[in-house]
Amino acid sequence: MVRDTFTMPEYEYAKIAELKKKCLKAGVPIKKSELLHAGLSYYTKLSKPALLKTARQIEKIKTGRPEKHR
């Protein structure tokens, strides 16, 4: 296993909770890491053109820790 950290927009992070609720409502409890695993599994099955099209649609964000509010 590998442990890592990442940065993502807050509105996308909120989607994780939405997806968890959808799965739980359908009787399938799922963890954040399992959702990420499922997403990676899905993307590895895409054709190269479909993957590149999707990758181009992803918002480019500044990496690193957000500034602390003072």
Protein backbone atom coordinates (compact mmCIF):
# COMPACT_ATOMS: atom_id res chain seq x y z
CA MET A 1 0.00 0.00 0.00
CA VAL A 2 1.05 3.58 -0.64
CA ARG A 3 -0.15 6.58 1.32
CA ASP A 4 -0.27 9.95 -0.48
CA THR A 5 -1.84 13.40 -0.33
CA PHE A 6 -3.33 15.49 -3.10
CA THR A 7 -5.02 18.80 -3.76
CA MET A 8 -8.39 19.24 -5.44
CA PRO A 9 -11.01 21.96 -5.70
CA GLU A 10 -13.43 22.01 -2.78
CA TYR A 11 -16.46 21.53 -5.06
CA GLU A 12 -14.92 18.34 -6.47
CA TYR A 13 -14.04 17.08 -3.00
CA ALA A 14 -17.71 17.53 -2.09
CA LYS A 15 -18.58 15.17 -4.94
CA ILE A 16 -16.88 12.38 -3.01
CA ALA A 17 -19.45 12.75 -0.23
CA GLU A 18 -22.26 12.82 -2.80
CA LEU A 19 -21.02 9.62 -4.41
CA LYS A 20 -20.60 7.95 -1.01
CA LYS A 21 -24.23 8.83 -0.16
CA LYS A 22 -25.47 7.48 -3.50
CA CYS A 23 -23.65 4.20 -2.97
CA LEU A 24 -24.81 3.90 0.64
CA LYS A 25 -28.41 4.58 -0.41
CA ALA A 26 -28.06 1.70 -2.90
CA GLY A 27 -26.74 -0.55 -0.11
CA VAL A 28 -23.08 -0.33 -1.10
CA PRO A 29 -20.99 1.39 1.57
CA ILE A 30 -17.77 2.75 0.06
CA LYS A 31 -14.72 4.64 1.32
CA LYS A 32 -13.07 7.64 -0.31
CA SER A 33 -10.06 5.56 -1.28
CA GLU A 34 -12.34 2.95 -2.87
CA LEU A 35 -14.05 5.65 -4.95
CA LEU A 36 -10.66 6.84 -6.18
CA HIS A 37 -9.69 3.25 -6.94
CA ALA A 38 -12.93 2.79 -8.91
CA GLY A 39 -12.26 5.99 -10.87
CA LEU A 40 -8.77 4.85 -11.79
CA SER A 41 -10.11 1.47 -12.80
CA TYR A 42 -12.67 3.19 -15.05
CA TYR A 43 -10.10 5.49 -16.66
CA THR A 44 -7.68 2.67 -17.43
CA LYS A 45 -10.39 1.04 -19.54
CA LEU A 46 -10.92 4.13 -21.74
CA SER A 47 -9.46 4.31 -25.21
CA LYS A 48 -6.54 6.69 -25.59
CA PRO A 49 -8.66 9.34 -27.41
CA ALA A 50 -11.39 9.15 -24.74
CA LEU A 51 -8.83 9.37 -21.93
CA LEU A 52 -7.12 12.38 -23.50
CA LYS A 53 -10.45 14.11 -24.11
CA THR A 54 -11.37 13.62 -20.45
CA ALA A 55 -7.93 14.71 -19.22
CA ARG A 56 -8.20 17.95 -21.18
CA GLN A 57 -11.50 18.73 -19.43
CA ILE A 58 -10.03 18.45 -15.93
CA GLU A 59 -9.42 21.81 -14.28
CA LYS A 60 -5.70 22.51 -13.84
CA ILE A 61 -5.01 23.56 -10.27
CA LYS A 62 -2.08 24.92 -8.36
CA THR A 63 -0.54 22.09 -6.37
CA GLY A 64 0.63 22.29 -2.78
CA ARG A 65 -0.99 23.21 0.46
CA PRO A 66 -3.47 26.09 0.51
CA GLU A 67 -2.36 29.28 2.25
CA LYS A 68 -3.29 29.54 5.91
CA HIS A 69 -5.84 32.21 6.77
CA ARG A 70 -4.53 34.66 9.36
